[in-house]
N, C-alpha and C. Protein backbone atom coordinates (compact mmCIF):
# COMPACT_ATOMS: atom_id res chain seq x y z
N UNK A 1 50.13 1.19 -67.82
CA UNK A 1 50.08 -0.06 -67.09
C UNK A 1 51.24 -0.05 -66.09
N UNK A 2 51.00 -0.41 -64.83
CA UNK A 2 52.06 -0.37 -63.83
C UNK A 2 53.13 -1.42 -64.10
N UNK A 3 54.28 -1.24 -63.44
CA UNK A 3 55.38 -2.17 -63.62
C UNK A 3 55.13 -3.51 -62.95
N UNK A 4 56.13 -4.36 -63.04
CA UNK A 4 56.04 -5.72 -62.52
C UNK A 4 56.98 -5.86 -61.33
N UNK A 5 56.47 -6.36 -60.24
CA UNK A 5 57.31 -6.65 -59.07
C UNK A 5 57.96 -8.03 -59.27
N UNK A 6 59.03 -8.31 -58.55
CA UNK A 6 59.62 -9.64 -58.65
C UNK A 6 58.63 -10.77 -58.30
N UNK A 7 57.76 -10.52 -57.34
CA UNK A 7 56.77 -11.53 -56.97
C UNK A 7 55.79 -11.78 -58.12
N UNK A 8 55.35 -10.71 -58.74
CA UNK A 8 54.43 -10.84 -59.88
C UNK A 8 55.12 -11.53 -61.06
N UNK A 9 56.39 -11.20 -61.29
CA UNK A 9 57.17 -11.86 -62.34
C UNK A 9 57.21 -13.37 -62.08
N UNK A 10 57.50 -13.76 -60.85
CA UNK A 10 57.57 -15.18 -60.51
C UNK A 10 56.23 -15.87 -60.73
N UNK A 11 55.15 -15.20 -60.40
CA UNK A 11 53.81 -15.78 -60.60
C UNK A 11 53.52 -15.95 -62.10
N UNK A 12 53.85 -14.96 -62.90
CA UNK A 12 53.64 -15.07 -64.34
C UNK A 12 54.49 -16.20 -64.92
N UNK A 13 55.73 -16.30 -64.49
CA UNK A 13 56.61 -17.37 -64.97
C UNK A 13 56.06 -18.74 -64.57
N UNK A 14 55.54 -18.85 -63.36
CA UNK A 14 54.97 -20.12 -62.90
C UNK A 14 53.79 -20.53 -63.75
N UNK A 15 52.90 -19.59 -64.02
CA UNK A 15 51.72 -19.90 -64.84
C UNK A 15 52.14 -20.32 -66.25
N UNK A 16 53.04 -19.56 -66.86
CA UNK A 16 53.48 -19.92 -68.21
C UNK A 16 54.16 -21.29 -68.22
N UNK A 17 54.94 -21.58 -67.20
CA UNK A 17 55.61 -22.88 -67.11
C UNK A 17 54.59 -24.02 -67.00
N UNK A 18 53.58 -23.84 -66.17
CA UNK A 18 52.56 -24.87 -66.01
C UNK A 18 51.79 -25.10 -67.30
N UNK A 19 51.42 -24.03 -67.98
CA UNK A 19 50.67 -24.16 -69.23
C UNK A 19 51.54 -24.85 -70.28
N UNK A 20 52.78 -24.41 -70.42
CA UNK A 20 53.68 -25.02 -71.41
C UNK A 20 53.86 -26.51 -71.12
N UNK A 21 54.11 -26.85 -69.87
CA UNK A 21 54.32 -28.25 -69.51
C UNK A 21 53.08 -29.09 -69.76
N UNK A 22 51.91 -28.53 -69.48
CA UNK A 22 50.67 -29.30 -69.66
C UNK A 22 50.38 -29.58 -71.14
N UNK A 23 51.04 -28.85 -72.04
CA UNK A 23 50.88 -29.07 -73.48
C UNK A 23 52.14 -29.67 -74.10
N UNK A 24 52.97 -30.26 -73.25
CA UNK A 24 54.20 -30.93 -73.68
C UNK A 24 55.16 -30.02 -74.45
N UNK A 25 55.15 -28.74 -74.12
CA UNK A 25 56.13 -27.82 -74.69
C UNK A 25 57.36 -27.81 -73.80
N UNK A 26 58.50 -27.42 -74.37
CA UNK A 26 59.71 -27.24 -73.57
C UNK A 26 59.50 -26.04 -72.66
N UNK A 27 59.82 -26.21 -71.41
CA UNK A 27 59.63 -25.14 -70.43
C UNK A 27 60.99 -24.52 -70.10
N UNK A 28 61.17 -23.26 -70.46
CA UNK A 28 62.44 -22.62 -70.11
C UNK A 28 62.43 -22.23 -68.63
N UNK A 29 63.63 -22.02 -68.10
CA UNK A 29 63.73 -21.39 -66.80
C UNK A 29 63.57 -19.89 -67.01
N UNK A 30 63.04 -19.20 -66.02
CA UNK A 30 62.85 -17.76 -66.12
C UNK A 30 63.64 -17.07 -65.02
N UNK A 31 64.23 -15.95 -65.35
CA UNK A 31 64.95 -15.16 -64.36
C UNK A 31 64.89 -13.69 -64.73
N UNK A 32 65.24 -12.86 -63.79
CA UNK A 32 65.38 -11.43 -64.05
C UNK A 32 66.47 -10.90 -63.13
N UNK A 33 67.19 -9.95 -63.57
CA UNK A 33 67.25 -9.35 -64.90
C UNK A 33 68.22 -10.13 -65.79
N UNK A 34 68.28 -9.80 -67.10
CA UNK A 34 69.30 -10.42 -67.96
C UNK A 34 70.70 -10.01 -67.48
N UNK A 35 71.67 -10.84 -67.75
CA UNK A 35 73.05 -10.52 -67.37
C UNK A 35 73.69 -9.55 -68.34
N UNK A 36 73.14 -9.44 -69.53
CA UNK A 36 73.69 -8.55 -70.55
C UNK A 36 73.20 -7.12 -70.26
N UNK A 37 74.12 -6.18 -70.05
CA UNK A 37 73.72 -4.81 -69.75
C UNK A 37 72.81 -4.23 -70.85
N UNK A 38 71.77 -3.55 -70.44
CA UNK A 38 70.80 -2.88 -71.31
C UNK A 38 69.90 -3.80 -72.10
N UNK A 39 70.07 -5.11 -71.99
CA UNK A 39 69.18 -6.04 -72.70
C UNK A 39 67.85 -6.11 -71.96
N UNK A 40 66.76 -6.20 -72.70
CA UNK A 40 65.45 -6.36 -72.08
C UNK A 40 65.05 -7.83 -72.01
N UNK A 41 65.59 -8.65 -72.91
CA UNK A 41 65.33 -10.10 -72.88
C UNK A 41 66.52 -10.82 -73.48
N UNK A 42 66.92 -11.90 -72.83
CA UNK A 42 67.95 -12.77 -73.40
C UNK A 42 67.48 -14.21 -73.29
N UNK A 43 68.01 -15.04 -74.16
CA UNK A 43 67.70 -16.46 -74.14
C UNK A 43 69.02 -17.21 -74.16
N UNK A 44 69.12 -18.20 -73.30
CA UNK A 44 70.34 -18.99 -73.21
C UNK A 44 69.97 -20.45 -73.36
N UNK A 45 70.61 -21.12 -74.31
CA UNK A 45 70.41 -22.56 -74.49
C UNK A 45 71.60 -23.27 -73.83
N UNK A 46 71.28 -24.22 -72.98
CA UNK A 46 72.30 -24.93 -72.24
C UNK A 46 72.68 -26.23 -72.94
N UNK A 47 73.85 -26.75 -72.63
CA UNK A 47 74.34 -27.98 -73.26
C UNK A 47 73.41 -29.17 -73.01
N UNK A 48 72.68 -29.16 -71.91
CA UNK A 48 71.80 -30.29 -71.59
C UNK A 48 70.44 -30.20 -72.28
N UNK A 49 70.27 -29.21 -73.16
CA UNK A 49 69.02 -29.08 -73.91
C UNK A 49 68.00 -28.17 -73.27
N UNK A 50 68.26 -27.71 -72.06
CA UNK A 50 67.33 -26.78 -71.42
C UNK A 50 67.63 -25.36 -71.89
N UNK A 51 66.74 -24.46 -71.57
CA UNK A 51 66.93 -23.06 -71.95
C UNK A 51 66.50 -22.17 -70.80
N UNK A 52 67.04 -20.96 -70.79
CA UNK A 52 66.67 -19.96 -69.79
C UNK A 52 66.32 -18.66 -70.50
N UNK A 53 65.26 -18.03 -70.04
CA UNK A 53 64.84 -16.74 -70.55
C UNK A 53 64.99 -15.73 -69.42
N UNK A 54 65.75 -14.69 -69.66
CA UNK A 54 65.93 -13.63 -68.67
C UNK A 54 65.26 -12.37 -69.19
N UNK A 55 64.47 -11.74 -68.34
CA UNK A 55 63.68 -10.57 -68.74
C UNK A 55 63.90 -9.44 -67.74
N UNK A 56 64.13 -8.26 -68.26
CA UNK A 56 64.25 -7.07 -67.41
C UNK A 56 62.85 -6.64 -66.98
N UNK A 57 62.70 -6.27 -65.71
CA UNK A 57 61.40 -5.79 -65.24
C UNK A 57 61.46 -4.33 -64.79
N UNK A 58 62.61 -3.88 -64.38
CA UNK A 58 62.74 -2.52 -63.84
C UNK A 58 62.48 -1.48 -64.94
N UNK A 59 61.56 -0.56 -64.64
CA UNK A 59 61.27 0.53 -65.55
C UNK A 59 60.50 0.13 -66.80
N UNK A 60 59.88 -1.04 -66.78
CA UNK A 60 59.14 -1.52 -67.95
C UNK A 60 57.69 -1.76 -67.57
N UNK A 61 56.82 -1.70 -68.55
CA UNK A 61 55.40 -1.95 -68.30
C UNK A 61 55.14 -3.45 -68.16
N UNK A 62 54.03 -3.77 -67.52
CA UNK A 62 53.61 -5.17 -67.42
C UNK A 62 53.47 -5.79 -68.80
N UNK A 63 52.91 -5.03 -69.72
CA UNK A 63 52.70 -5.50 -71.09
C UNK A 63 54.03 -5.92 -71.73
N UNK A 64 55.06 -5.11 -71.59
CA UNK A 64 56.36 -5.41 -72.18
C UNK A 64 56.98 -6.66 -71.55
N UNK A 65 56.85 -6.80 -70.25
CA UNK A 65 57.40 -7.97 -69.56
C UNK A 65 56.66 -9.23 -69.99
N UNK A 66 55.34 -9.16 -70.03
CA UNK A 66 54.54 -10.31 -70.47
C UNK A 66 54.91 -10.69 -71.89
N UNK A 67 55.01 -9.71 -72.77
CA UNK A 67 55.38 -10.00 -74.16
C UNK A 67 56.72 -10.74 -74.22
N UNK A 68 57.69 -10.31 -73.44
CA UNK A 68 59.00 -10.95 -73.46
C UNK A 68 58.95 -12.36 -72.88
N UNK A 69 58.20 -12.57 -71.83
CA UNK A 69 58.06 -13.91 -71.27
C UNK A 69 57.44 -14.86 -72.29
N UNK A 70 56.37 -14.42 -72.92
CA UNK A 70 55.68 -15.25 -73.92
C UNK A 70 56.58 -15.51 -75.11
N UNK A 71 57.25 -14.48 -75.60
CA UNK A 71 58.15 -14.67 -76.74
C UNK A 71 59.26 -15.65 -76.40
N UNK A 72 59.73 -15.63 -75.17
CA UNK A 72 60.74 -16.59 -74.74
C UNK A 72 60.25 -18.02 -74.88
N UNK A 73 59.01 -18.28 -74.44
CA UNK A 73 58.43 -19.62 -74.57
C UNK A 73 58.32 -20.01 -76.04
N UNK A 74 57.88 -19.07 -76.87
CA UNK A 74 57.72 -19.36 -78.30
C UNK A 74 59.06 -19.67 -78.96
N UNK A 75 60.07 -18.88 -78.67
CA UNK A 75 61.39 -19.08 -79.28
C UNK A 75 61.99 -20.42 -78.85
N UNK A 76 61.91 -20.73 -77.57
CA UNK A 76 62.46 -21.99 -77.06
C UNK A 76 61.81 -23.18 -77.76
N UNK A 77 60.55 -23.03 -78.11
CA UNK A 77 59.82 -24.13 -78.75
C UNK A 77 59.76 -24.03 -80.26
N UNK A 78 60.41 -23.03 -80.83
CA UNK A 78 60.42 -22.89 -82.29
C UNK A 78 59.05 -22.64 -82.88
N UNK A 79 58.19 -21.98 -82.13
CA UNK A 79 56.82 -21.70 -82.59
C UNK A 79 56.78 -20.37 -83.32
N UNK A 80 56.56 -20.45 -84.62
CA UNK A 80 56.51 -19.26 -85.47
C UNK A 80 55.24 -19.29 -86.31
N UNK A 81 55.02 -18.24 -87.06
CA UNK A 81 53.87 -18.18 -87.97
C UNK A 81 52.55 -18.31 -87.23
N UNK A 82 51.63 -19.04 -87.86
CA UNK A 82 50.29 -19.19 -87.26
C UNK A 82 50.33 -19.92 -85.94
N UNK A 83 51.19 -20.94 -85.85
CA UNK A 83 51.30 -21.67 -84.58
C UNK A 83 51.76 -20.72 -83.47
N UNK A 84 52.75 -19.90 -83.78
CA UNK A 84 53.23 -18.93 -82.79
C UNK A 84 52.16 -17.93 -82.41
N UNK A 85 51.43 -17.46 -83.41
CA UNK A 85 50.35 -16.50 -83.14
C UNK A 85 49.29 -17.12 -82.23
N UNK A 86 48.94 -18.36 -82.50
CA UNK A 86 47.93 -19.05 -81.68
C UNK A 86 48.40 -19.22 -80.25
N UNK A 87 49.65 -19.64 -80.07
CA UNK A 87 50.19 -19.80 -78.72
C UNK A 87 50.33 -18.47 -78.01
N UNK A 88 50.68 -17.43 -78.74
CA UNK A 88 50.81 -16.09 -78.15
C UNK A 88 49.47 -15.68 -77.52
N UNK A 89 48.39 -15.88 -78.27
CA UNK A 89 47.05 -15.53 -77.78
C UNK A 89 46.67 -16.42 -76.60
N UNK A 90 46.93 -17.72 -76.72
CA UNK A 90 46.56 -18.66 -75.66
C UNK A 90 47.31 -18.36 -74.36
N UNK A 91 48.60 -18.09 -74.46
CA UNK A 91 49.37 -17.82 -73.24
C UNK A 91 48.96 -16.50 -72.60
N UNK A 92 48.70 -15.50 -73.42
CA UNK A 92 48.23 -14.22 -72.88
C UNK A 92 46.87 -14.42 -72.18
N UNK A 93 46.01 -15.23 -72.79
CA UNK A 93 44.70 -15.51 -72.21
C UNK A 93 44.85 -16.19 -70.84
N UNK A 94 45.78 -17.13 -70.74
CA UNK A 94 46.00 -17.80 -69.46
C UNK A 94 46.39 -16.80 -68.37
N UNK A 95 47.28 -15.88 -68.71
CA UNK A 95 47.68 -14.88 -67.72
C UNK A 95 46.53 -13.94 -67.39
N UNK A 96 45.77 -13.55 -68.41
CA UNK A 96 44.63 -12.65 -68.19
C UNK A 96 43.55 -13.33 -67.34
N UNK A 97 43.38 -14.62 -67.52
CA UNK A 97 42.31 -15.33 -66.80
C UNK A 97 42.55 -15.36 -65.30
N UNK A 98 43.78 -15.17 -64.88
CA UNK A 98 44.04 -15.12 -63.44
C UNK A 98 44.41 -13.70 -63.02
N UNK A 99 44.03 -12.74 -63.84
CA UNK A 99 44.17 -11.32 -63.53
C UNK A 99 45.62 -10.87 -63.37
N UNK A 100 46.55 -11.50 -64.08
CA UNK A 100 47.94 -11.06 -64.02
C UNK A 100 48.23 -10.01 -65.06
N UNK A 101 47.47 -9.98 -66.12
CA UNK A 101 47.62 -8.95 -67.16
C UNK A 101 46.25 -8.67 -67.73
N UNK A 102 46.17 -7.60 -68.48
CA UNK A 102 44.93 -7.33 -69.20
C UNK A 102 45.04 -8.00 -70.56
N UNK A 103 43.96 -8.55 -71.04
CA UNK A 103 43.96 -9.17 -72.36
C UNK A 103 44.09 -8.08 -73.40
N UNK A 104 45.00 -8.27 -74.33
CA UNK A 104 45.21 -7.27 -75.38
C UNK A 104 45.21 -7.91 -76.73
């Protein structure tokens, strides 16, 4: 699977943000790359209650980037177990429905 361009990353983040907001989930900010050297994903919780998810895109597959973006949304919202699994599938489906990733 080819890598992710910054433009594609922004589009994926926008879609995930819209879906999360439409279901009253907390919407993290998304950025790339993480500030921590060699990290592929970091999460930062801010004093005001917001959160930011930073994901590395350079040298990584689309699948890995998508997985990290989705996991960031799940972690920020405390979605684990079956609820997390359901949201993981739903968010991946949303991205696949607009041809940003392949459904897996």
